[in-house]
C-alpha atoms as a PDB file:
ATOM      1  CA  MET A   1     -13.160  20.172   3.049  1.00  0.00           C
ATOM      2  CA  ASP A   2     -14.511  19.569   6.546  1.00  0.00           C
ATOM      3  CA  SER A   3     -15.628  22.922   7.912  1.00  0.00           C
ATOM      4  CA  THR A   4     -15.125  21.835  11.534  1.00  0.00           C
ATOM      5  CA  THR A   5     -11.527  20.659  11.228  1.00  0.00           C
ATOM      6  CA  GLY A   6     -10.330  22.520   8.146  1.00  0.00           C
ATOM      7  CA  SER A   7      -9.015  19.298   6.642  1.00  0.00           C
ATOM      8  CA  PHE A   8      -9.937  17.362   3.554  1.00  0.00           C
ATOM      9  CA  ALA A   9     -12.088  14.285   3.956  1.00  0.00           C
ATOM     10  CA  GLN A  10     -10.189  11.019   3.685  1.00  0.00           C
ATOM     11  CA  PRO A  11     -12.026   8.722   1.269  1.00  0.00           C
ATOM     12  CA  ARG A  12     -11.789   5.173   2.534  1.00  0.00           C
ATOM     13  CA  ARG A  13     -12.870   1.845   1.112  1.00  0.00           C
ATOM     14  CA  LYS A  14     -13.814   3.281  -2.245  1.00  0.00           C
ATOM     15  CA  GLY A  15     -11.154   1.440  -4.237  1.00  0.00           C
ATOM     16  CA  TYR A  16      -9.033   4.514  -5.007  1.00  0.00           C
ATOM     17  CA  ALA A  17      -5.829   3.055  -3.549  1.00  0.00           C
ATOM     18  CA  THR A  18      -6.301  -0.210  -5.435  1.00  0.00           C
ATOM     19  CA  GLU A  19      -7.051   1.609  -8.688  1.00  0.00           C
ATOM     20  CA  ALA A  20      -4.022   3.887  -8.364  1.00  0.00           C
ATOM     21  CA  SER A  21      -1.779   0.975  -7.410  1.00  0.00           C
ATOM     22  CA  GLU A  22      -2.965  -1.063 -10.390  1.00  0.00           C
ATOM     23  CA  ALA A  23      -2.028   1.824 -12.700  1.00  0.00           C
ATOM     24  CA  ILE A  24       1.432   2.114 -11.134  1.00  0.00           C
ATOM     25  CA  LEU A  25       1.990  -1.647 -11.385  1.00  0.00           C
ATOM     26  CA  SER A  26       0.917  -1.612 -15.024  1.00  0.00           C
ATOM     27  CA  VAL A  27       3.570   0.973 -15.907  1.00  0.00           C
ATOM     28  CA  TRP A  28       6.151  -0.727 -13.702  1.00  0.00           C
ATOM     29  CA  SER A  29       5.611  -4.137 -15.292  1.00  0.00           C
ATOM     30  CA  LYS A  30       6.174  -2.696 -18.785  1.00  0.00           C
ATOM     31  CA  SER A  31       9.329  -0.782 -17.963  1.00  0.00           C
ATOM     32  CA  ILE A  32      11.115  -2.358 -14.995  1.00  0.00           C
ATOM     33  CA  HIS A  33      12.173  -5.956 -14.593  1.00  0.00           C
ATOM     34  CA  GLY A  34      12.581  -7.303 -11.092  1.00  0.00           C
ATOM     35  CA  GLU A  35      10.592  -7.629  -7.942  1.00  0.00           C
ATOM     36  CA  MET A  36       8.349  -5.010  -6.382  1.00  0.00           C
ATOM     37  CA  LEU A  37       8.367  -4.635  -2.613  1.00  0.00           C
ATOM     38  CA  ALA A  38       5.795  -2.957  -0.397  1.00  0.00           C
ATOM     39  CA  MET A  39       6.676  -1.830   3.125  1.00  0.00           C
ATOM     40  CA  ILE A  40       3.527  -1.475   5.229  1.00  0.00           C
ATOM     41  CA  ARG A  41       3.265  -0.466   8.875  1.00  0.00           C
ATOM     42  CA  TYR A  42       2.036  -3.443  10.894  1.00  0.00           C
ATOM     43  CA  ASP A  43      -1.242  -1.803  11.936  1.00  0.00           C
ATOM     44  CA  ASN A  44      -2.253  -0.463   8.501  1.00  0.00           C
ATOM     45  CA  LEU A  45      -4.877  -3.088   7.704  1.00  0.00           C
ATOM     46  CA  ASP A  46      -6.299  -1.244   4.685  1.00  0.00           C
ATOM     47  CA  SER A  47      -2.908  -1.085   2.952  1.00  0.00           C
ATOM     48  CA  LYS A  48      -2.260  -4.764   3.687  1.00  0.00           C
ATOM     49  CA  ARG A  49      -5.621  -5.604   2.114  1.00  0.00           C
ATOM     50  CA  VAL A  50      -4.749  -3.593  -1.027  1.00  0.00           C
ATOM     51  CA  ALA A  51      -1.342  -5.273  -1.310  1.00  0.00           C
ATOM     52  CA  GLU A  52      -2.905  -8.715  -1.037  1.00  0.00           C
ATOM     53  CA  LYS A  53      -5.583  -7.810  -3.621  1.00  0.00           C
ATOM     54  CA  LEU A  54      -2.796  -6.828  -6.009  1.00  0.00           C
ATOM     55  CA  GLY A  55      -1.076 -10.185  -5.564  1.00  0.00           C
ATOM     56  CA  PHE A  56       1.652  -9.251  -3.094  1.00  0.00           C
ATOM     57  CA  ASP A  57       2.796 -11.997  -0.723  1.00  0.00           C
ATOM     58  CA  PHE A  58       4.036 -11.456   2.825  1.00  0.00           C
ATOM     59  CA  LEU A  59       7.818 -11.763   2.930  1.00  0.00           C
ATOM     60  CA  GLU A  60       9.005 -10.736   6.392  1.00  0.00           C
ATOM     61  CA  MET A  61       8.609  -8.403   9.350  1.00  0.00           C
ATOM     62  CA  GLN A  62      11.241  -5.705   9.946  1.00  0.00           C
ATOM     63  CA  LEU A  63      11.704  -3.201  12.754  1.00  0.00           C
ATOM     64  CA  ILE A  64      12.432   0.299  11.474  1.00  0.00           C
ATOM     65  CA  ASP A  65      13.173   2.898  14.145  1.00  0.00           C
ATOM     66  CA  GLY A  66      11.393   0.645  16.629  1.00  0.00           C
ATOM     67  CA  THR A  67       8.216   0.325  14.540  1.00  0.00           C
ATOM     68  CA  PRO A  68       7.300  -3.027  13.000  1.00  0.00           C
ATOM     69  CA  TYR A  69       6.724  -3.051   9.254  1.00  0.00           C
ATOM     70  CA  GLU A  70       5.569  -5.936   7.117  1.00  0.00           C
ATOM     71  CA  ILE A  71       7.401  -6.412   3.833  1.00  0.00           C
ATOM     72  CA  TYR A  72       5.415  -7.798   0.898  1.00  0.00           C
ATOM     73  CA  ARG A  73       6.777  -8.958  -2.462  1.00  0.00           C
ATOM     74  CA  LEU A  74       5.170  -9.135  -5.880  1.00  0.00           C
END
């Protein structure tokens, strides 16, 4: 915990999101048949990088409540 802000530190670029996503995809691929979609806010570069690392391909851009989101498909 950060003593100045009272919030927990946000670990970034340590591979945690990729590792967790790989585990989820492993379970998903064994139990669910179909496509997996990821909806990522247009300015979330780290999440886009994780999706691409996992093999997701850009599908389309959609506006949701005025905010652009990129839709990726696996």
